Amino acid sequence: MAATARHNAEVTEPRWLDPQEQQAWQGFVKITRLLFARLDHELTNRSGLSHSDYVVLVVLSTRSDRKMRMGTLAELTGESRSRLSHHIARMEESGWVRREDDRTDRRGSVAVLTDAGFATLEEAAPGHVEDVRHHLFDHLSRAEVQMLATLTTKVNTALEQSPGGRRA
């Protein structure tokens, strides 16, 4: 009964952000929006890749066979399966990836990083990494980088373990 009363109180009475939390939240929203917009713009201008394309290529490149089940790829890139399917179709048109039937499960398919896609990634990576360094890490001390790593790991772990999270 007490748990129900507490749950009802949580539902009806929002836990508003205090001024410091509000400042941190608004800053987080702004930095992620601006940073990803800037990185996407620079990556597209330099290599023709969107940031989402780059992420797919990076994830596939980490596999020795450069292949991954579409469901796993969706999970690791943070895209829904439906959105990833459309995304992969566009990337196939560019010759960066191809789809193959999954030999272990005929109901599924795998995305395969092509040689052209790998070459595109190799060409784009140095400039992209320099952009990330320039727009983010050059403004932080080593201690701040460590704090950022600690904070992102902590929040990502909580999100992944919560209902609707990747591990739930």
N, C-alpha and C. Protein backbone atom coordinates (compact mmCIF):
# COMPACT_ATOMS: atom_id res chain seq x y z
N MET A 1 0.82 -1.19 0.00
CA MET A 1 0.00 0.00 0.00
C MET A 1 0.87 1.26 0.00
N ALA A 2 1.94 1.28 0.81
CA ALA A 2 2.82 2.44 0.86
C ALA A 2 3.51 2.65 -0.49
N ALA A 3 3.88 1.54 -1.14
CA ALA A 3 4.53 1.65 -2.45
C ALA A 3 3.57 2.26 -3.47
N THR A 4 2.30 1.88 -3.41
CA THR A 4 1.30 2.43 -4.33
C THR A 4 1.12 3.92 -4.07
N ALA A 5 1.05 4.32 -2.82
CA ALA A 5 0.89 5.74 -2.49
C ALA A 5 2.11 6.52 -2.97
N ARG A 6 3.31 5.96 -2.79
CA ARG A 6 4.53 6.64 -3.22
C ARG A 6 4.53 6.75 -4.75
N HIS A 7 4.13 5.68 -5.44
CA HIS A 7 4.07 5.69 -6.90
C HIS A 7 3.08 6.75 -7.39
N ASN A 8 1.92 6.82 -6.76
CA ASN A 8 0.92 7.82 -7.15
C ASN A 8 1.44 9.23 -6.93
N ALA A 9 2.17 9.44 -5.82
CA ALA A 9 2.73 10.76 -5.55
C ALA A 9 3.76 11.11 -6.61
N GLU A 10 4.58 10.13 -7.04
CA GLU A 10 5.58 10.39 -8.07
C GLU A 10 4.91 10.75 -9.39
N VAL A 11 3.80 10.12 -9.68
CA VAL A 11 3.12 10.37 -10.93
C VAL A 11 2.48 11.75 -10.94
N THR A 12 1.89 12.16 -9.82
CA THR A 12 1.16 13.42 -9.79
C THR A 12 2.04 14.62 -9.42
N GLU A 13 3.17 14.41 -8.82
CA GLU A 13 4.03 15.52 -8.40
C GLU A 13 5.38 15.39 -9.08
N PRO A 14 5.60 16.13 -10.18
CA PRO A 14 6.89 16.03 -10.89
C PRO A 14 8.05 16.46 -9.99
N ARG A 15 9.18 15.83 -10.19
CA ARG A 15 10.40 16.23 -9.50
C ARG A 15 11.11 17.24 -10.40
N TRP A 16 10.72 18.52 -10.26
CA TRP A 16 11.25 19.57 -11.11
C TRP A 16 12.76 19.69 -10.94
N LEU A 17 13.41 20.11 -11.98
CA LEU A 17 14.85 20.31 -11.93
C LEU A 17 15.16 21.59 -11.15
N ASP A 18 16.19 21.51 -10.31
CA ASP A 18 16.62 22.72 -9.62
C ASP A 18 17.44 23.55 -10.61
N PRO A 19 17.80 24.78 -10.26
CA PRO A 19 18.49 25.65 -11.22
C PRO A 19 19.80 25.05 -11.77
N GLN A 20 20.57 24.40 -10.93
CA GLN A 20 21.82 23.80 -11.41
C GLN A 20 21.54 22.63 -12.36
N GLU A 21 20.55 21.80 -12.02
CA GLU A 21 20.16 20.70 -12.91
C GLU A 21 19.62 21.23 -14.23
N GLN A 22 18.82 22.28 -14.17
CA GLN A 22 18.26 22.88 -15.37
C GLN A 22 19.37 23.41 -16.27
N GLN A 23 20.35 24.08 -15.68
CA GLN A 23 21.48 24.60 -16.44
C GLN A 23 22.26 23.45 -17.08
N ALA A 24 22.50 22.38 -16.32
CA ALA A 24 23.23 21.23 -16.84
C ALA A 24 22.45 20.55 -17.97
N TRP A 25 21.14 20.40 -17.79
CA TRP A 25 20.31 19.75 -18.80
C TRP A 25 20.28 20.57 -20.09
N GLN A 26 20.04 21.87 -19.97
CA GLN A 26 19.97 22.72 -21.16
C GLN A 26 21.33 22.76 -21.87
N GLY A 27 22.40 22.78 -21.10
CA GLY A 27 23.73 22.74 -21.69
C GLY A 27 24.00 21.43 -22.41
N PHE A 28 23.56 20.32 -21.82
CA PHE A 28 23.73 19.01 -22.43
C PHE A 28 22.96 18.93 -23.75
N VAL A 29 21.71 19.39 -23.73
CA VAL A 29 20.89 19.36 -24.95
C VAL A 29 21.54 20.21 -26.04
N LYS A 30 22.01 21.40 -25.67
CA LYS A 30 22.61 22.30 -26.65
C LYS A 30 23.91 21.72 -27.21
N ILE A 31 24.78 21.21 -26.34
CA ILE A 31 26.06 20.69 -26.83
C ILE A 31 25.86 19.49 -27.74
N THR A 32 24.93 18.60 -27.41
CA THR A 32 24.73 17.43 -28.27
C THR A 32 24.15 17.86 -29.62
N ARG A 33 23.21 18.77 -29.60
CA ARG A 33 22.61 19.25 -30.86
C ARG A 33 23.66 19.94 -31.72
N LEU A 34 24.39 20.89 -31.14
CA LEU A 34 25.39 21.65 -31.90
C LEU A 34 26.55 20.78 -32.35
N LEU A 35 27.04 19.92 -31.46
CA LEU A 35 28.19 19.09 -31.78
C LEU A 35 27.87 18.13 -32.92
N PHE A 36 26.75 17.43 -32.84
CA PHE A 36 26.42 16.47 -33.89
C PHE A 36 26.07 17.16 -35.19
N ALA A 37 25.42 18.32 -35.14
CA ALA A 37 25.14 19.06 -36.36
C ALA A 37 26.45 19.49 -37.02
N ARG A 38 27.39 19.99 -36.24
CA ARG A 38 28.68 20.43 -36.78
C ARG A 38 29.46 19.25 -37.35
N LEU A 39 29.53 18.14 -36.59
CA LEU A 39 30.26 16.97 -37.07
C LEU A 39 29.64 16.40 -38.34
N ASP A 40 28.31 16.35 -38.37
CA ASP A 40 27.62 15.83 -39.54
C ASP A 40 27.90 16.71 -40.76
N HIS A 41 27.82 18.03 -40.58
CA HIS A 41 28.07 18.97 -41.68
C HIS A 41 29.50 18.80 -42.22
N GLU A 42 30.46 18.77 -41.33
CA GLU A 42 31.86 18.68 -41.76
C GLU A 42 32.16 17.34 -42.42
N LEU A 43 31.61 16.27 -41.87
CA LEU A 43 31.81 14.93 -42.44
C LEU A 43 31.19 14.84 -43.82
N THR A 44 29.98 15.35 -43.96
CA THR A 44 29.30 15.31 -45.25
C THR A 44 30.05 16.13 -46.29
N ASN A 45 30.50 17.33 -45.92
CA ASN A 45 31.24 18.17 -46.86
C ASN A 45 32.57 17.54 -47.27
N ARG A 46 33.22 16.87 -46.34
CA ARG A 46 34.53 16.30 -46.61
C ARG A 46 34.45 14.99 -47.39
N SER A 47 33.47 14.13 -47.04
CA SER A 47 33.50 12.76 -47.57
C SER A 47 32.19 12.29 -48.19
N GLY A 48 31.12 13.06 -48.06
CA GLY A 48 29.84 12.62 -48.57
C GLY A 48 29.10 11.68 -47.63
N LEU A 49 29.69 11.38 -46.49
CA LEU A 49 29.07 10.52 -45.48
C LEU A 49 28.28 11.37 -44.48
N SER A 50 27.13 10.87 -44.09
CA SER A 50 26.46 11.47 -42.93
C SER A 50 27.10 10.86 -41.68
N HIS A 51 26.84 11.48 -40.54
CA HIS A 51 27.37 10.90 -39.30
C HIS A 51 26.80 9.51 -39.08
N SER A 52 25.53 9.30 -39.41
CA SER A 52 24.91 7.98 -39.27
C SER A 52 25.58 6.96 -40.18
N ASP A 53 25.92 7.36 -41.42
CA ASP A 53 26.65 6.47 -42.32
C ASP A 53 27.99 6.08 -41.70
N TYR A 54 28.68 7.08 -41.17
CA TYR A 54 29.99 6.86 -40.57
C TYR A 54 29.90 5.85 -39.43
N VAL A 55 28.89 6.00 -38.59
CA VAL A 55 28.72 5.09 -37.45
C VAL A 55 28.52 3.65 -37.95
N VAL A 56 27.67 3.47 -38.96
CA VAL A 56 27.45 2.13 -39.51
C VAL A 56 28.75 1.55 -40.04
N LEU A 57 29.51 2.34 -40.79
CA LEU A 57 30.77 1.85 -41.34
C LEU A 57 31.76 1.49 -40.24
N VAL A 58 31.84 2.31 -39.21
CA VAL A 58 32.75 2.02 -38.09
C VAL A 58 32.36 0.72 -37.41
N VAL A 59 31.08 0.56 -37.09
CA VAL A 59 30.64 -0.65 -36.40
C VAL A 59 30.95 -1.89 -37.24
N LEU A 60 30.64 -1.85 -38.52
CA LEU A 60 30.93 -3.00 -39.38
C LEU A 60 32.42 -3.25 -39.49
N SER A 61 33.22 -2.20 -39.49
CA SER A 61 34.67 -2.35 -39.64
C SER A 61 35.32 -3.02 -38.44
N THR A 62 34.63 -3.05 -37.31
CA THR A 62 35.22 -3.66 -36.11
C THR A 62 35.17 -5.18 -36.16
N ARG A 63 34.40 -5.74 -37.06
CA ARG A 63 34.29 -7.19 -37.20
C ARG A 63 35.34 -7.68 -38.19
N SER A 64 36.00 -8.78 -37.88
CA SER A 64 37.05 -9.29 -38.76
C SER A 64 36.50 -9.66 -40.14
N ASP A 65 35.25 -10.12 -40.20
CA ASP A 65 34.65 -10.47 -41.49
C ASP A 65 33.84 -9.32 -42.09
N ARG A 66 33.78 -8.18 -41.36
CA ARG A 66 33.07 -6.97 -41.78
C ARG A 66 31.58 -7.25 -42.03
N LYS A 67 31.01 -8.18 -41.28
CA LYS A 67 29.59 -8.53 -41.41
C LYS A 67 28.93 -8.46 -40.05
N MET A 68 27.62 -8.16 -40.06
CA MET A 68 26.87 -8.15 -38.82
C MET A 68 25.39 -8.31 -39.11
N ARG A 69 24.73 -9.11 -38.24
CA ARG A 69 23.28 -9.24 -38.36
C ARG A 69 22.64 -7.87 -38.23
N MET A 70 21.59 -7.67 -39.00
CA MET A 70 20.93 -6.36 -39.01
C MET A 70 20.41 -5.98 -37.63
N GLY A 71 19.87 -6.92 -36.87
CA GLY A 71 19.36 -6.61 -35.54
C GLY A 71 20.46 -6.14 -34.60
N THR A 72 21.60 -6.81 -34.68
CA THR A 72 22.75 -6.42 -33.84
C THR A 72 23.25 -5.04 -34.26
N LEU A 73 23.32 -4.82 -35.56
CA LEU A 73 23.77 -3.53 -36.07
C LEU A 73 22.82 -2.42 -35.63
N ALA A 74 21.53 -2.68 -35.67
CA ALA A 74 20.56 -1.68 -35.21
C ALA A 74 20.79 -1.34 -33.75
N GLU A 75 21.02 -2.37 -32.95
CA GLU A 75 21.25 -2.16 -31.52
C GLU A 75 22.51 -1.32 -31.28
N LEU A 76 23.58 -1.64 -31.98
CA LEU A 76 24.86 -0.97 -31.76
C LEU A 76 24.91 0.45 -32.33
N THR A 77 24.08 0.72 -33.32
CA THR A 77 24.06 2.07 -33.90
C THR A 77 22.97 2.94 -33.31
N GLY A 78 22.07 2.33 -32.52
CA GLY A 78 20.99 3.09 -31.90
C GLY A 78 19.85 3.40 -32.85
N GLU A 79 19.79 2.71 -33.97
CA GLU A 79 18.70 2.92 -34.93
C GLU A 79 17.66 1.81 -34.75
N SER A 80 16.41 2.12 -35.05
CA SER A 80 15.39 1.08 -35.05
C SER A 80 15.68 0.15 -36.23
N ARG A 81 15.17 -1.05 -36.17
CA ARG A 81 15.38 -1.99 -37.27
C ARG A 81 14.83 -1.45 -38.58
N SER A 82 13.66 -0.85 -38.51
CA SER A 82 13.03 -0.31 -39.71
C SER A 82 13.87 0.82 -40.30
N ARG A 83 14.28 1.74 -39.46
CA ARG A 83 15.09 2.87 -39.93
C ARG A 83 16.42 2.37 -40.48
N LEU A 84 17.03 1.40 -39.80
CA LEU A 84 18.31 0.86 -40.27
C LEU A 84 18.14 0.20 -41.63
N SER A 85 17.05 -0.51 -41.84
CA SER A 85 16.81 -1.16 -43.12
C SER A 85 16.81 -0.15 -44.26
N HIS A 86 16.12 0.98 -44.05
CA HIS A 86 16.09 2.04 -45.06
C HIS A 86 17.47 2.68 -45.22
N HIS A 87 18.15 2.85 -44.11
CA HIS A 87 19.49 3.45 -44.12
C HIS A 87 20.45 2.57 -44.92
N ILE A 88 20.42 1.27 -44.65
CA ILE A 88 21.30 0.33 -45.36
C ILE A 88 20.97 0.34 -46.86
N ALA A 89 19.71 0.44 -47.20
CA ALA A 89 19.32 0.50 -48.62
C ALA A 89 19.98 1.70 -49.30
N ARG A 90 19.99 2.85 -48.64
CA ARG A 90 20.64 4.04 -49.20
C ARG A 90 22.15 3.84 -49.31
N MET A 91 22.73 3.20 -48.30
CA MET A 91 24.17 2.96 -48.32
C MET A 91 24.54 1.93 -49.39
N GLU A 92 23.64 0.99 -49.67
CA GLU A 92 23.89 0.03 -50.76
C GLU A 92 23.98 0.76 -52.10
N GLU A 93 23.14 1.77 -52.30
CA GLU A 93 23.16 2.54 -53.54
C GLU A 93 24.51 3.22 -53.74
N SER A 94 25.17 3.58 -52.65
CA SER A 94 26.49 4.21 -52.72
C SER A 94 27.61 3.19 -52.86
N GLY A 95 27.27 1.92 -52.67
CA GLY A 95 28.28 0.86 -52.79
C GLY A 95 29.09 0.63 -51.53
N TRP A 96 28.67 1.23 -50.41
CA TRP A 96 29.43 1.11 -49.17
C TRP A 96 29.13 -0.16 -48.40
N VAL A 97 27.94 -0.67 -48.54
CA VAL A 97 27.53 -1.92 -47.87
C VAL A 97 26.69 -2.74 -48.84
N ARG A 98 26.52 -4.01 -48.50
CA ARG A 98 25.56 -4.84 -49.22
C ARG A 98 24.88 -5.73 -48.20
N ARG A 99 23.73 -6.22 -48.55
CA ARG A 99 22.99 -7.14 -47.70
C ARG A 99 23.13 -8.55 -48.22
N GLU A 100 23.24 -9.48 -47.30
CA GLU A 100 23.27 -10.90 -47.64
C GLU A 100 22.31 -11.63 -46.72
N ASP A 101 21.80 -12.77 -47.19
CA ASP A 101 20.99 -13.62 -46.32
C ASP A 101 21.88 -14.14 -45.21
N ASP A 102 21.32 -14.25 -44.03
CA ASP A 102 22.05 -14.80 -42.89
C ASP A 102 22.07 -16.32 -43.04
N ARG A 103 23.25 -16.88 -43.16
CA ARG A 103 23.37 -18.34 -43.35
C ARG A 103 22.93 -19.13 -42.14
N THR A 104 22.96 -18.49 -40.96
CA THR A 104 22.57 -19.21 -39.74
C THR A 104 21.08 -19.09 -39.45
N ASP A 105 20.42 -18.10 -40.07
CA ASP A 105 18.99 -17.89 -39.84
C ASP A 105 18.40 -17.27 -41.10
N ARG A 106 17.74 -18.06 -41.89
CA ARG A 106 17.22 -17.62 -43.19
C ARG A 106 16.20 -16.49 -43.07
N ARG A 107 15.65 -16.26 -41.88
CA ARG A 107 14.69 -15.17 -41.70
C ARG A 107 15.36 -13.82 -41.66
N GLY A 108 16.66 -13.81 -41.39
CA GLY A 108 17.36 -12.55 -41.21
C GLY A 108 18.36 -12.28 -42.31
N SER A 109 18.97 -11.11 -42.21
CA SER A 109 20.02 -10.75 -43.16
C SER A 109 21.16 -10.10 -42.41
N VAL A 110 22.28 -10.03 -43.10
CA VAL A 110 23.46 -9.39 -42.53
C VAL A 110 23.86 -8.22 -43.43
N ALA A 111 24.42 -7.21 -42.82
CA ALA A 111 25.01 -6.10 -43.55
C ALA A 111 26.50 -6.39 -43.68
N VAL A 112 27.03 -6.14 -44.85
CA VAL A 112 28.43 -6.41 -45.13
C VAL A 112 29.10 -5.12 -45.59
N LEU A 113 30.20 -4.77 -44.96
CA LEU A 113 30.99 -3.61 -45.37
C LEU A 113 31.78 -3.99 -46.62
N THR A 114 31.56 -3.26 -47.71
CA THR A 114 32.27 -3.54 -48.95
C THR A 114 33.67 -2.93 -48.91
N ASP A 115 34.50 -3.32 -49.86
CA ASP A 115 35.83 -2.71 -49.97
C ASP A 115 35.71 -1.22 -50.22
N ALA A 116 34.74 -0.81 -51.04
CA ALA A 116 34.52 0.62 -51.28
C ALA A 116 34.11 1.34 -50.00
N GLY A 117 33.27 0.71 -49.20
CA GLY A 117 32.86 1.31 -47.93
C GLY A 117 34.02 1.42 -46.96
N PHE A 118 34.86 0.39 -46.92
CA PHE A 118 36.03 0.42 -46.04
C PHE A 118 36.99 1.52 -46.48
N ALA A 119 37.20 1.66 -47.79
CA ALA A 119 38.08 2.71 -48.30
C ALA A 119 37.52 4.09 -47.98
N THR A 120 36.21 4.25 -48.09
CA THR A 120 35.56 5.51 -47.76
C THR A 120 35.76 5.84 -46.29
N LEU A 121 35.60 4.83 -45.44
CA LEU A 121 35.83 5.02 -44.01
C LEU A 121 37.27 5.40 -43.72
N GLU A 122 38.21 4.70 -44.33
CA GLU A 122 39.64 5.00 -44.11
C GLU A 122 39.97 6.44 -44.54
N GLU A 123 39.33 6.89 -45.59
CA GLU A 123 39.58 8.25 -46.07
C GLU A 123 38.94 9.29 -45.15
N ALA A 124 37.75 8.98 -44.62
CA ALA A 124 37.01 9.95 -43.81
C ALA A 124 37.49 10.01 -42.36
N ALA A 125 38.00 8.91 -41.84
CA ALA A 125 38.30 8.81 -40.41
C ALA A 125 39.28 9.87 -39.89
N PRO A 126 40.42 10.10 -40.55
CA PRO A 126 41.36 11.09 -39.97
C PRO A 126 40.74 12.48 -39.80
N GLY A 127 40.02 12.95 -40.79
CA GLY A 127 39.39 14.27 -40.68
C GLY A 127 38.31 14.30 -39.63
N HIS A 128 37.52 13.22 -39.55
CA HIS A 128 36.45 13.17 -38.55
C HIS A 128 37.02 13.16 -37.14
N VAL A 129 38.05 12.36 -36.94
CA VAL A 129 38.67 12.30 -35.61
C VAL A 129 39.25 13.67 -35.23
N GLU A 130 39.85 14.35 -36.20
CA GLU A 130 40.37 15.68 -35.92
C GLU A 130 39.24 16.65 -35.58
N ASP A 131 38.09 16.53 -36.27
CA ASP A 131 36.94 17.37 -35.94
C ASP A 131 36.43 17.11 -34.53
N VAL A 132 36.35 15.84 -34.16
CA VAL A 132 35.92 15.49 -32.79
C VAL A 132 36.88 16.08 -31.78
N ARG A 133 38.16 15.91 -32.05
CA ARG A 133 39.17 16.46 -31.13
C ARG A 133 39.02 17.98 -31.05
N HIS A 134 38.91 18.65 -32.18
CA HIS A 134 38.84 20.11 -32.24
C HIS A 134 37.60 20.65 -31.52
N HIS A 135 36.45 20.01 -31.75
CA HIS A 135 35.19 20.54 -31.22
C HIS A 135 34.88 20.09 -29.79
N LEU A 136 35.55 19.04 -29.33
CA LEU A 136 35.24 18.54 -27.98
C LEU A 136 36.48 18.45 -27.10
N PHE A 137 37.38 17.55 -27.43
CA PHE A 137 38.46 17.23 -26.50
C PHE A 137 39.49 18.33 -26.32
N ASP A 138 39.70 19.17 -27.32
CA ASP A 138 40.66 20.27 -27.16
C ASP A 138 40.20 21.29 -26.13
N HIS A 139 38.94 21.25 -25.74
CA HIS A 139 38.40 22.21 -24.76
C HIS A 139 38.37 21.63 -23.35
N LEU A 140 38.84 20.39 -23.19
CA LEU A 140 38.76 19.72 -21.89
C LEU A 140 40.14 19.32 -21.40
N SER A 141 40.31 19.35 -20.08
CA SER A 141 41.55 18.84 -19.48
C SER A 141 41.47 17.31 -19.42
N ARG A 142 42.57 16.67 -19.14
CA ARG A 142 42.58 15.20 -19.00
C ARG A 142 41.61 14.78 -17.89
N ALA A 143 41.57 15.53 -16.80
CA ALA A 143 40.65 15.20 -15.70
C ALA A 143 39.20 15.34 -16.16
N GLU A 144 38.90 16.34 -16.96
CA GLU A 144 37.54 16.52 -17.47
C GLU A 144 37.16 15.42 -18.46
N VAL A 145 38.12 14.98 -19.27
CA VAL A 145 37.85 13.86 -20.17
C VAL A 145 37.53 12.61 -19.36
N GLN A 146 38.29 12.37 -18.30
CA GLN A 146 38.03 11.22 -17.43
C GLN A 146 36.65 11.34 -16.79
N MET A 147 36.29 12.53 -16.34
CA MET A 147 34.97 12.75 -15.74
C MET A 147 33.87 12.52 -16.77
N LEU A 148 34.06 13.00 -18.00
CA LEU A 148 33.08 12.78 -19.06
C LEU A 148 32.92 11.28 -19.33
N ALA A 149 34.03 10.56 -19.38
CA ALA A 149 33.96 9.11 -19.60
C ALA A 149 33.21 8.43 -18.46
N THR A 150 33.48 8.83 -17.23
CA THR A 150 32.80 8.26 -16.07
C THR A 150 31.30 8.54 -16.11
N LEU A 151 30.94 9.79 -16.40
CA LEU A 151 29.53 10.18 -16.43
C LEU A 151 28.78 9.46 -17.55
N THR A 152 29.35 9.42 -18.73
CA THR A 152 28.65 8.77 -19.85
C THR A 152 28.51 7.28 -19.61
N THR A 153 29.51 6.65 -19.04
CA THR A 153 29.41 5.22 -18.73
C THR A 153 28.31 4.98 -17.70
N LYS A 154 28.26 5.80 -16.69
CA LYS A 154 27.26 5.65 -15.63
C LYS A 154 25.84 5.80 -16.17
N VAL A 155 25.60 6.85 -16.96
CA VAL A 155 24.25 7.09 -17.48
C VAL A 155 23.89 6.05 -18.54
N ASN A 156 24.83 5.72 -19.44
CA ASN A 156 24.55 4.69 -20.44
C ASN A 156 24.21 3.35 -19.81
N THR A 157 24.93 2.96 -18.77
CA THR A 157 24.66 1.70 -18.08
C THR A 157 23.25 1.71 -17.49
N ALA A 158 22.88 2.81 -16.85
CA ALA A 158 21.54 2.91 -16.27
C ALA A 158 20.46 2.85 -17.35
N LEU A 159 20.69 3.54 -18.45
CA LEU A 159 19.70 3.54 -19.54
C LEU A 159 19.56 2.15 -20.16
N GLU A 160 20.67 1.48 -20.36
CA GLU A 160 20.65 0.16 -20.98
C GLU A 160 19.99 -0.88 -20.09
N GLN A 161 20.07 -0.70 -18.78
CA GLN A 161 19.50 -1.68 -17.85
C GLN A 161 18.07 -1.36 -17.45
N SER A 162 17.57 -0.20 -17.85
CA SER A 162 16.20 0.17 -17.48
C SER A 162 15.21 -0.41 -18.47
N PRO A 163 13.93 -0.49 -18.11
CA PRO A 163 12.92 -0.99 -19.05
C PRO A 163 13.00 -0.21 -20.37
N GLY A 164 12.99 -0.94 -21.46
CA GLY A 164 13.10 -0.32 -22.76
C GLY A 164 14.55 -0.10 -23.19
N GLY A 165 15.50 -0.38 -22.29
CA GLY A 165 16.91 -0.24 -22.62
C GLY A 165 17.39 -1.45 -23.41
N ARG A 166 18.59 -1.35 -23.91
CA ARG A 166 19.16 -2.39 -24.76
C ARG A 166 19.23 -3.74 -24.07
N ARG A 167 19.56 -3.76 -22.78
CA ARG A 167 19.72 -5.03 -22.07
C ARG A 167 18.47 -5.50 -21.38
N ALA A 168 17.44 -4.69 -21.41
CA ALA A 168 16.21 -5.03 -20.68
C ALA A 168 15.53 -6.23 -21.28
